[in-house]
Amino acid sequence: MRTKIQRSMIAITFGTLLISYILLTWIMYEQSVELRKEEVNQEARYILAAVNISGSDYLKEMDEVDLRTRVTQISPEGEVLYDSGKDAETLENHGNRPEVASALTNGFGEDIRRSGTIGEKMYYYALILDDGTVLRVAKTMDNIGELARSVLSLIIGLGVVMLVCAWILGKWQTARLIKPINELDIEHPLEHVVYEELCPLLVAMDKRNREREKVEIMRKEFSANVSHELKTPLTSISGYAEIMKNGLVKEQDIPKFSERIYKEARRLITLIEDIIKLSKLDEGSVELEKENVNLYNLCREIISRLSVQANNKHVHITMSGESIYYYGIRQILDEMIYNICENAIKYNVDGGEVSVWTGNTLKGPKIIVEDNGIGIPKEHHERIFERFYRVDKSHSKDRGGTGLGLSIVKHGALLHNIQVKVDSEEGRGTKMEILFWNEE
């Protein structure tokens, strides 16, 4: 960054000098040309007046005077009658010269061109004399180009000085600009904002820091929860096995203890499977291909798999709607809908009802799962999708589950860029909608 700033300042200085030189040279050249024209025009009028008064002999007297001005007298037919620089008899007819032709027609004429006689770029100005001949006065323009060369040497000298100054100032200014950035408190970037231009970057850094802290807190909570959730079934399995090993269980009670061990083992396996699913969703390593999924048929299959659990809970499930298709990962969509429907059964009242509807809306496909169960208090709505978060921790074990179901729903929704809405009130049931579009 330091080198770039210094190079930029030197490049700007060099560019400024170059543009200044071009503009200055052009302005001075134009001014010199105008001055040269005015000088030649004025000199021509003086000579015109003298010739009209004294006659053409006045021109011959000018040969001895070095005026650095070429004076020519030309007849109306274009014949050169007099030339201060050359022998008039050796010169070709000048009737076709622009300034001469213009003077014969309009009384005056001018032109700038390279002279074929003396090989220099000249400015010609012609006037008509009283006797009908043309008086032409000319001066070289080549010496005006020397102005640009003289200015160039001055600009080069000035440029060297300015480039050195630019390098020194650039080095000082760069150190001054970079110092606050080098001393920036990355952990608290918004506490001392030196440059307003850095605000978007600092806000982004602060947001990232907060997100990192939040992720770290969630990671610690997740680790603690995983440890607790894994330890609980393992402790039960170990305890039951130890009692059976020591022969403290009656023979008729062995099947009951074996069933408890089996249930805890199944709970442990389910928990581990859910953790693996979440890890894959977090890492984006789901390698399943997308396909057109019939959401209506998928919901019917899920309800069929949950029928035994619903019967045990005395919950009645109804299915309605129409066949709709969505291009997504079937297994993930299955797990999302399954977890929502399972929660509707699990957290329902004895003899409750669950309704599942699938259909099309103006915005896209939609699934609604509604129950008349225990409901969710408003203050818990934002946290129910967190891992291991339970609204009623005291009865969580009695209802089963790993506490990861809605987290899987959330990550599945993020993977498909769809949205899940919750509308629930304690004691009045829950309504969950899967919107197969994103309104945010």
Protein backbone atom coordinates (compact mmCIF):
# COMPACT_ATOMS: atom_id res chain seq x y z
CA MET A 1 0.00 0.00 0.00
CA ARG A 2 2.83 2.38 0.91
CA THR A 3 4.58 1.79 -2.43
CA LYS A 4 1.33 2.16 -4.38
CA ILE A 5 0.54 5.53 -2.78
CA GLN A 6 4.06 6.84 -3.47
CA ARG A 7 3.93 5.63 -7.06
CA SER A 8 0.50 7.18 -7.50
CA MET A 9 1.66 10.57 -6.20
CA ILE A 10 4.73 10.52 -8.49
CA ALA A 11 2.59 9.45 -11.45
CA ILE A 12 0.09 12.24 -10.73
CA THR A 13 2.87 14.80 -10.44
CA PHE A 14 4.48 13.60 -13.69
CA GLY A 15 1.13 13.62 -15.49
CA THR A 16 0.34 17.10 -14.18
CA LEU A 17 3.71 18.41 -15.37
CA LEU A 18 3.28 16.83 -18.80
CA ILE A 19 -0.22 18.26 -19.25
CA SER A 20 0.97 21.65 -17.96
CA TYR A 21 3.86 21.64 -20.43
CA ILE A 22 1.59 20.79 -23.35
CA LEU A 23 -0.99 23.42 -22.41
CA LEU A 24 1.62 26.07 -21.61
CA THR A 25 3.48 25.45 -24.89
CA TRP A 26 0.27 25.55 -26.90
CA ILE A 27 -0.91 28.79 -25.23
CA MET A 28 2.48 30.49 -25.64
CA TYR A 29 2.73 29.30 -29.25
CA GLU A 30 -0.71 30.68 -30.09
CA GLN A 31 0.09 33.97 -28.37
CA SER A 32 3.44 34.20 -30.21
CA VAL A 33 1.75 33.53 -33.53
CA GLU A 34 -0.78 36.28 -32.87
CA LEU A 35 1.99 38.66 -31.83
CA ARG A 36 3.99 37.76 -34.96
CA LYS A 37 0.95 38.38 -37.16
CA GLU A 38 0.27 41.72 -35.49
CA GLU A 39 3.96 42.67 -35.85
CA VAL A 40 4.04 41.76 -39.57
CA ASN A 41 0.72 43.49 -40.24
CA GLN A 42 1.86 46.68 -38.54
CA GLU A 43 5.23 46.63 -40.31
CA ALA A 44 3.47 46.04 -43.64
CA ARG A 45 1.24 49.06 -43.15
CA TYR A 46 4.28 51.26 -42.32
CA ILE A 47 6.10 50.09 -45.46
CA LEU A 48 2.90 50.51 -47.51
CA ALA A 49 2.57 54.12 -46.38
CA ALA A 50 6.26 54.83 -47.11
CA VAL A 51 6.11 53.28 -50.60
CA ASN A 52 2.91 55.16 -51.46
CA ILE A 53 4.63 58.41 -50.43
CA SER A 54 8.20 57.84 -51.71
CA GLY A 55 7.64 55.34 -54.49
CA SER A 56 9.21 51.95 -55.15
CA ASP A 57 12.73 53.39 -54.67
CA TYR A 58 12.06 53.22 -50.92
CA LEU A 59 12.16 49.43 -51.13
CA LYS A 60 15.65 49.41 -52.66
CA GLU A 61 16.96 51.42 -49.72
CA MET A 62 15.80 48.61 -47.40
CA ASP A 63 18.36 46.16 -48.81
CA GLU A 64 21.01 47.71 -46.60
CA VAL A 65 18.87 47.41 -43.48
CA ASP A 66 18.70 43.99 -41.71
CA LEU A 67 15.11 43.96 -40.62
CA ARG A 68 14.90 40.15 -40.68
CA THR A 69 11.83 40.77 -42.71
CA ARG A 70 11.28 39.66 -46.27
CA VAL A 71 9.59 42.32 -48.42
CA THR A 72 8.32 41.60 -51.91
CA GLN A 73 6.61 43.74 -54.56
CA ILE A 74 4.49 41.85 -57.08
CA SER A 75 2.75 43.11 -60.19
CA PRO A 76 -0.96 42.40 -60.84
CA GLU A 77 0.19 39.73 -63.31
CA GLY A 78 2.21 37.96 -60.59
CA GLU A 79 5.67 39.08 -61.75
CA VAL A 80 8.08 39.73 -58.87
CA LEU A 81 9.25 43.33 -59.17
CA TYR A 82 11.28 43.43 -56.01
CA ASP A 83 12.36 40.96 -53.28
CA SER A 84 14.56 41.85 -50.31
CA GLY A 85 15.93 38.33 -49.99
CA LYS A 86 16.46 37.24 -53.57
CA ASP A 87 17.09 38.64 -57.03
CA ALA A 88 13.58 39.39 -58.35
CA GLU A 89 14.43 38.18 -61.85
CA THR A 90 15.23 34.67 -60.59
CA LEU A 91 11.90 34.18 -58.85
CA GLU A 92 8.94 32.46 -60.45
CA ASN A 93 5.53 34.05 -60.94
CA HIS A 94 3.75 34.69 -57.63
CA GLY A 95 0.27 35.25 -59.00
CA ASN A 96 -0.94 31.92 -57.63
CA ARG A 97 0.15 32.63 -54.05
CA PRO A 98 -2.96 32.68 -51.77
CA GLU A 99 -2.08 35.95 -50.07
CA VAL A 100 -1.32 37.67 -53.39
CA ALA A 101 -4.53 36.50 -55.03
CA SER A 102 -6.52 37.60 -51.97
CA ALA A 103 -4.86 41.04 -51.93
CA LEU A 104 -5.63 41.60 -55.60
CA THR A 105 -9.27 40.71 -54.94
CA ASN A 106 -9.95 42.03 -51.42
CA GLY A 107 -7.15 44.56 -50.83
CA PHE A 108 -5.32 42.32 -48.33
CA GLY A 109 -4.43 38.66 -47.80
CA GLU A 110 -2.45 36.37 -45.47
CA ASP A 111 -1.11 32.81 -45.36
CA ILE A 112 1.18 30.56 -43.31
CA ARG A 113 3.28 27.98 -45.20
CA ARG A 114 6.76 26.72 -45.77
CA SER A 115 8.61 28.88 -48.27
CA GLY A 116 9.96 27.08 -51.30
CA THR A 117 12.53 29.82 -51.76
CA ILE A 118 14.21 29.92 -48.34
CA GLY A 119 12.92 26.63 -46.89
CA GLU A 120 11.38 28.08 -43.71
CA LYS A 121 7.85 28.25 -42.37
CA MET A 122 6.72 31.83 -43.04
CA TYR A 123 3.79 34.11 -42.29
CA TYR A 124 2.85 36.20 -45.34
CA TYR A 125 0.76 39.36 -45.28
CA ALA A 126 -0.07 41.23 -48.49
CA LEU A 127 -1.60 44.67 -49.18
CA ILE A 128 -2.49 46.46 -52.38
CA LEU A 129 -0.40 49.60 -53.22
CA ASP A 130 -1.78 52.77 -54.78
CA ASP A 131 -0.18 51.88 -58.12
CA GLY A 132 -2.08 48.52 -58.19
CA THR A 133 0.92 46.36 -57.34
CA VAL A 134 1.00 44.07 -54.27
CA LEU A 135 3.26 44.65 -51.29
CA ARG A 136 3.97 41.44 -49.38
CA VAL A 137 5.75 41.31 -46.03
CA ALA A 138 6.83 37.98 -44.45
CA LYS A 139 8.61 36.76 -41.35
CA THR A 140 9.74 33.29 -40.31
CA MET A 141 7.70 31.25 -37.83
CA ASP A 142 10.40 28.65 -37.11
CA ASN A 143 11.92 30.61 -34.24
CA ILE A 144 8.59 30.35 -32.43
CA GLY A 145 9.24 26.57 -32.12
CA GLU A 146 12.36 27.40 -30.13
CA LEU A 147 10.00 28.66 -27.44
CA ALA A 148 8.71 25.15 -26.83
CA ARG A 149 12.25 23.81 -26.55
CA SER A 150 13.25 26.55 -24.12
CA VAL A 151 10.15 25.88 -22.00
CA LEU A 152 10.90 22.13 -22.09
CA SER A 153 14.27 22.56 -20.42
CA LEU A 154 12.61 24.67 -17.72
CA ILE A 155 9.82 22.12 -17.25
CA ILE A 156 12.34 19.25 -17.00
CA GLY A 157 14.26 21.06 -14.29
CA LEU A 158 11.07 21.95 -12.46
CA GLY A 159 9.79 18.39 -12.94
CA VAL A 160 12.87 16.84 -11.31
CA VAL A 161 12.43 19.11 -8.29
CA MET A 162 8.72 18.39 -8.06
CA LEU A 163 9.17 14.61 -8.44
CA VAL A 164 11.70 14.59 -5.61
CA CYS A 165 9.31 16.65 -3.49
CA ALA A 166 6.45 14.33 -4.43
CA TRP A 167 8.49 11.29 -3.37
CA ILE A 168 9.37 12.87 -0.02
CA LEU A 169 5.82 14.12 0.61
CA GLY A 170 4.39 10.80 -0.58
CA LYS A 171 6.55 8.90 1.86
CA TRP A 172 5.52 11.19 4.73
CA GLN A 173 1.84 11.24 3.77
CA THR A 174 1.75 7.46 3.30
CA ALA A 175 3.19 6.88 6.76
CA ARG A 176 0.65 9.34 8.16
CA LEU A 177 -2.25 7.63 6.37
CA ILE A 178 -1.22 4.08 7.20
CA LYS A 179 -0.44 4.66 10.87
CA PRO A 180 -4.11 4.68 12.05
CA ILE A 181 -4.76 1.54 10.00
CA ASN A 182 -1.75 -0.26 11.50
CA GLU A 183 -2.92 0.76 14.98
CA LEU A 184 -6.54 -0.28 14.33
CA ASP A 185 -8.15 -2.29 17.13
CA ILE A 186 -9.43 -5.27 15.16
CA GLU A 187 -11.43 -6.61 18.11
CA HIS A 188 -13.28 -3.28 18.55
CA PRO A 189 -13.02 -1.57 15.14
CA LEU A 190 -15.84 0.94 15.68
CA GLU A 191 -14.43 2.50 18.84
CA HIS A 192 -12.00 4.82 17.02
CA VAL A 193 -13.04 5.56 13.45
CA VAL A 194 -10.32 7.70 11.86
CA TYR A 195 -11.47 7.62 8.23
CA GLU A 196 -15.14 7.73 7.28
CA GLU A 197 -14.31 5.89 4.06
CA LEU A 198 -13.37 2.84 6.16
CA CYS A 199 -16.74 2.74 7.94
CA PRO A 200 -18.26 0.03 5.68
CA LEU A 201 -15.18 -2.15 6.21
CA LEU A 202 -15.12 -1.51 9.97
CA VAL A 203 -18.85 -2.22 10.27
CA ALA A 204 -18.32 -5.48 8.38
CA MET A 205 -15.40 -6.37 10.68
CA ASP A 206 -17.47 -5.59 13.76
CA LYS A 207 -20.35 -7.68 12.41
CA ARG A 208 -17.99 -10.56 11.72
CA ASN A 209 -16.54 -10.29 15.23
CA ARG A 210 -20.02 -10.42 16.73
CA GLU A 211 -20.96 -13.37 14.57
CA ARG A 212 -17.74 -15.11 15.53
CA GLU A 213 -18.48 -14.55 19.22
CA LYS A 214 -22.02 -15.81 18.71
CA VAL A 215 -20.74 -18.90 16.87
CA GLU A 216 -18.21 -19.51 19.62
CA ILE A 217 -20.94 -19.31 22.28
CA MET A 218 -23.14 -21.64 20.23
CA ARG A 219 -20.23 -24.02 19.76
CA LYS A 220 -19.61 -24.17 23.50
CA GLU A 221 -23.30 -24.65 24.19
CA PHE A 222 -23.49 -27.32 21.49
CA SER A 223 -20.48 -29.16 22.92
CA ALA A 224 -21.98 -29.05 26.41
CA ASN A 225 -25.38 -30.18 25.16
CA VAL A 226 -23.91 -32.99 23.06
CA SER A 227 -21.89 -34.19 26.03
CA HIS A 228 -24.99 -34.15 28.21
CA GLU A 229 -27.25 -35.79 25.61
CA LEU A 230 -24.70 -38.52 24.93
CA LYS A 231 -23.92 -39.10 28.59
CA THR A 232 -27.56 -39.57 29.64
CA PRO A 233 -28.37 -42.67 27.51
CA LEU A 234 -24.89 -44.10 28.04
CA THR A 235 -25.30 -43.78 31.81
CA SER A 236 -28.65 -45.53 31.63
CA ILE A 237 -27.26 -48.32 29.42
CA SER A 238 -24.24 -48.75 31.69
CA GLY A 239 -26.41 -48.77 34.81
CA TYR A 240 -28.91 -51.33 33.53
CA ALA A 241 -26.11 -53.53 32.17
CA GLU A 242 -24.21 -53.37 35.46
CA ILE A 243 -27.31 -54.40 37.45
CA MET A 244 -27.91 -57.33 35.11
CA LYS A 245 -24.23 -58.30 35.24
CA ASN A 246 -24.25 -58.43 39.05
CA GLY A 247 -27.34 -60.65 39.01
CA LEU A 248 -29.49 -58.09 40.83
CA VAL A 249 -32.36 -58.45 38.35
CA LYS A 250 -35.02 -61.10 38.65
CA GLU A 251 -35.28 -63.42 35.68
CA GLN A 252 -38.80 -62.21 34.84
CA ASP A 253 -37.55 -58.55 34.81
CA ILE A 254 -34.69 -59.17 32.39
CA PRO A 255 -36.85 -58.47 29.27
CA LYS A 256 -37.92 -55.12 30.77
CA PHE A 257 -34.31 -54.12 31.46
CA SER A 258 -33.26 -55.32 28.00
CA GLU A 259 -36.02 -53.18 26.46
CA ARG A 260 -34.81 -50.13 28.39
CA ILE A 261 -31.26 -50.75 27.22
CA TYR A 262 -32.52 -51.10 23.63
CA LYS A 263 -34.53 -47.88 23.81
CA GLU A 264 -31.59 -45.92 25.21
CA ALA A 265 -29.30 -47.40 22.55
CA ARG A 266 -31.79 -46.44 19.82
CA ARG A 267 -32.00 -42.95 21.29
CA LEU A 268 -28.21 -42.73 21.25
CA ILE A 269 -28.03 -43.92 17.62
CA THR A 270 -30.73 -41.42 16.58
CA LEU A 271 -28.87 -38.61 18.32
CA ILE A 272 -25.60 -39.47 16.59
CA GLU A 273 -27.35 -39.72 13.21
CA ASP A 274 -28.93 -36.28 13.73
CA ILE A 275 -25.56 -34.79 14.69
CA ILE A 276 -24.00 -36.25 11.53
CA LYS A 277 -26.85 -34.84 9.41
CA LEU A 278 -26.38 -31.37 10.92
CA SER A 279 -22.61 -31.51 10.41
CA LYS A 280 -23.08 -32.35 6.73
CA LEU A 281 -25.62 -29.56 6.31
CA ASP A 282 -23.28 -27.09 8.08
CA GLU A 283 -20.36 -28.03 5.88
CA GLY A 284 -22.47 -28.07 2.72
CA SER A 285 -21.18 -31.57 2.00
CA VAL A 286 -24.58 -33.00 1.06
CA GLU A 287 -23.82 -34.83 -2.17
CA LEU A 288 -27.37 -35.90 -3.03
CA GLU A 289 -28.69 -34.86 -6.43
CA LYS A 290 -31.74 -32.66 -6.86
CA GLU A 291 -34.88 -34.00 -8.55
CA ASN A 292 -38.53 -33.10 -9.09
CA VAL A 293 -40.23 -34.16 -5.85
CA ASN A 294 -44.00 -34.64 -5.58
CA LEU A 295 -44.58 -32.96 -2.22
CA TYR A 296 -48.12 -34.32 -1.84
CA ASN A 297 -46.97 -37.94 -2.26
CA LEU A 298 -43.98 -37.29 0.02
CA CYS A 299 -46.25 -36.00 2.79
CA ARG A 300 -48.52 -39.07 2.42
CA GLU A 301 -45.50 -41.38 2.81
CA ILE A 302 -44.34 -39.51 5.94
CA ILE A 303 -47.81 -39.65 7.50
CA SER A 304 -47.90 -43.38 6.81
CA ARG A 305 -44.55 -43.85 8.61
CA LEU A 306 -45.79 -41.82 11.57
CA SER A 307 -49.15 -43.60 11.82
CA VAL A 308 -48.03 -45.97 14.59
CA GLN A 309 -46.64 -43.08 16.67
CA ALA A 310 -49.88 -41.12 16.09
CA ASN A 311 -52.05 -44.09 17.12
CA ASN A 312 -50.06 -44.54 20.31
CA LYS A 313 -50.65 -40.85 21.09
CA HIS A 314 -54.31 -41.09 19.96
CA VAL A 315 -53.69 -38.28 17.47
CA HIS A 316 -55.72 -38.15 14.27
CA ILE A 317 -53.87 -37.02 11.10
CA THR A 318 -55.61 -35.69 7.99
CA MET A 319 -54.08 -35.01 4.59
CA SER A 320 -55.45 -32.59 1.96
CA GLY A 321 -54.33 -30.48 -0.99
CA GLU A 322 -53.03 -31.27 -4.46
CA SER A 323 -49.99 -32.74 -6.16
CA ILE A 324 -47.24 -30.15 -6.49
CA TYR A 325 -43.64 -30.53 -7.53
CA TYR A 326 -40.46 -28.91 -6.24
CA TYR A 327 -36.92 -29.34 -7.58
CA GLY A 328 -34.87 -30.26 -4.52
CA ILE A 329 -33.06 -32.97 -2.55
CA ARG A 330 -35.70 -35.55 -1.70
CA GLN A 331 -34.00 -36.96 1.41
CA ILE A 332 -33.51 -33.51 2.97
CA LEU A 333 -37.09 -32.46 2.20
CA ASP A 334 -38.28 -35.76 3.70
CA GLU A 335 -36.36 -35.12 6.93
CA MET A 336 -37.69 -31.54 7.16
CA ILE A 337 -41.36 -32.50 6.73
CA TYR A 338 -40.93 -35.62 8.91
CA ASN A 339 -39.50 -33.60 11.84
CA ILE A 340 -42.28 -30.99 11.63
CA CYS A 341 -45.02 -33.66 11.49
CA GLU A 342 -43.39 -35.69 14.24
CA ASN A 343 -43.28 -32.62 16.51
CA ALA A 344 -46.96 -31.98 15.75
CA ILE A 345 -47.73 -35.47 17.05
CA LYS A 346 -45.21 -35.51 19.89
CA TYR A 347 -46.24 -32.16 21.38
CA ASN A 348 -49.96 -32.72 20.91
CA VAL A 349 -52.63 -33.53 23.47
CA ASP A 350 -54.12 -36.98 23.90
CA GLY A 351 -56.81 -37.31 21.20
CA GLY A 352 -55.54 -34.25 19.32
CA GLU A 353 -55.53 -33.56 15.60
CA VAL A 354 -52.88 -32.82 12.98
CA SER A 355 -53.68 -31.57 9.47
CA VAL A 356 -51.24 -31.49 6.55
CA TRP A 357 -51.96 -29.45 3.41
CA THR A 358 -49.95 -29.13 0.22
CA GLY A 359 -50.78 -26.81 -2.63
CA ASN A 360 -49.75 -24.08 -5.04
CA THR A 361 -49.91 -20.35 -4.35
CA LEU A 362 -49.21 -17.34 -6.54
CA LYS A 363 -45.64 -17.29 -5.22
CA GLY A 364 -44.99 -21.03 -5.37
CA PRO A 365 -45.55 -24.39 -3.60
CA LYS A 366 -46.47 -24.40 0.06
CA ILE A 367 -46.90 -26.98 2.86
CA ILE A 368 -48.89 -26.29 6.04
CA VAL A 369 -48.72 -28.54 9.12
CA GLU A 370 -51.19 -27.52 11.82
CA ASP A 371 -52.03 -29.10 15.18
CA ASN A 372 -54.15 -28.30 18.23
CA GLY A 373 -51.46 -29.33 20.71
CA ILE A 374 -49.77 -27.60 23.61
CA GLY A 375 -48.40 -24.75 21.49
CA ILE A 376 -45.23 -22.67 21.90
CA PRO A 377 -45.03 -19.48 24.00
CA LYS A 378 -44.23 -16.35 21.95
CA GLU A 379 -40.93 -15.71 23.73
CA HIS A 380 -39.55 -19.04 22.49
CA HIS A 381 -40.41 -18.66 18.79
CA GLU A 382 -37.01 -17.26 17.78
CA ARG A 383 -35.03 -19.98 19.57
CA ILE A 384 -36.88 -23.18 18.73
CA PHE A 385 -34.61 -23.77 15.71
CA GLU A 386 -31.46 -23.74 17.88
CA ARG A 387 -29.73 -27.03 18.54
CA PHE A 388 -30.88 -28.84 21.69
CA TYR A 389 -33.17 -25.96 22.62
CA ARG A 390 -36.27 -27.21 24.38
CA VAL A 391 -39.26 -25.12 25.45
CA ASP A 392 -40.14 -27.46 28.31
CA LYS A 393 -36.91 -29.02 29.56
CA SER A 394 -38.63 -30.82 32.46
CA HIS A 395 -40.71 -33.06 30.15
CA SER A 396 -38.32 -33.27 27.20
CA LYS A 397 -37.12 -36.77 28.02
CA ASP A 398 -40.67 -38.07 28.47
CA ARG A 399 -41.59 -36.87 24.96
CA GLY A 400 -38.42 -38.31 23.38
CA GLY A 401 -36.44 -36.77 20.56
CA THR A 402 -32.92 -35.42 20.34
CA GLY A 403 -33.61 -31.68 20.33
CA LEU A 404 -32.07 -31.42 16.85
CA GLY A 405 -35.18 -31.90 14.68
CA LEU A 406 -35.99 -28.24 14.06
CA SER A 407 -32.30 -27.45 13.59
CA ILE A 408 -32.30 -29.94 10.73
CA VAL A 409 -35.43 -28.20 9.37
CA LYS A 410 -33.66 -24.81 9.53
CA HIS A 411 -30.50 -26.03 7.79
CA GLY A 412 -32.52 -27.88 5.16
CA ALA A 413 -34.41 -24.66 4.44
CA LEU A 414 -31.14 -22.73 4.10
CA LEU A 415 -29.80 -25.38 1.75
CA HIS A 416 -32.85 -25.01 -0.52
CA ASN A 417 -33.16 -21.22 0.00
CA ILE A 418 -36.74 -21.62 1.24
CA GLN A 419 -38.47 -20.28 4.35
CA VAL A 420 -40.18 -21.82 7.38
CA LYS A 421 -42.79 -19.77 9.28
CA VAL A 422 -44.10 -20.50 12.77
CA ASP A 423 -47.44 -19.34 14.16
CA SER A 424 -48.10 -20.70 17.61
CA GLU A 425 -49.69 -19.80 20.91
CA GLU A 426 -49.39 -21.65 24.18
CA GLY A 427 -52.37 -23.94 24.76
CA ARG A 428 -53.86 -23.33 21.29
CA GLY A 429 -51.64 -25.36 18.98
CA THR A 430 -49.01 -24.68 16.34
CA LYS A 431 -49.07 -23.89 12.64
CA MET A 432 -45.85 -24.32 10.63
CA GLU A 433 -45.60 -23.32 6.97
CA ILE A 434 -42.87 -24.34 4.54
CA LEU A 435 -42.73 -21.66 1.83
CA PHE A 436 -40.80 -22.89 -1.19
CA TRP A 437 -39.56 -19.38 -1.90
CA ASN A 438 -37.71 -16.80 0.19
CA GLU A 439 -39.52 -13.57 1.13
CA GLU A 440 -36.46 -11.98 2.78
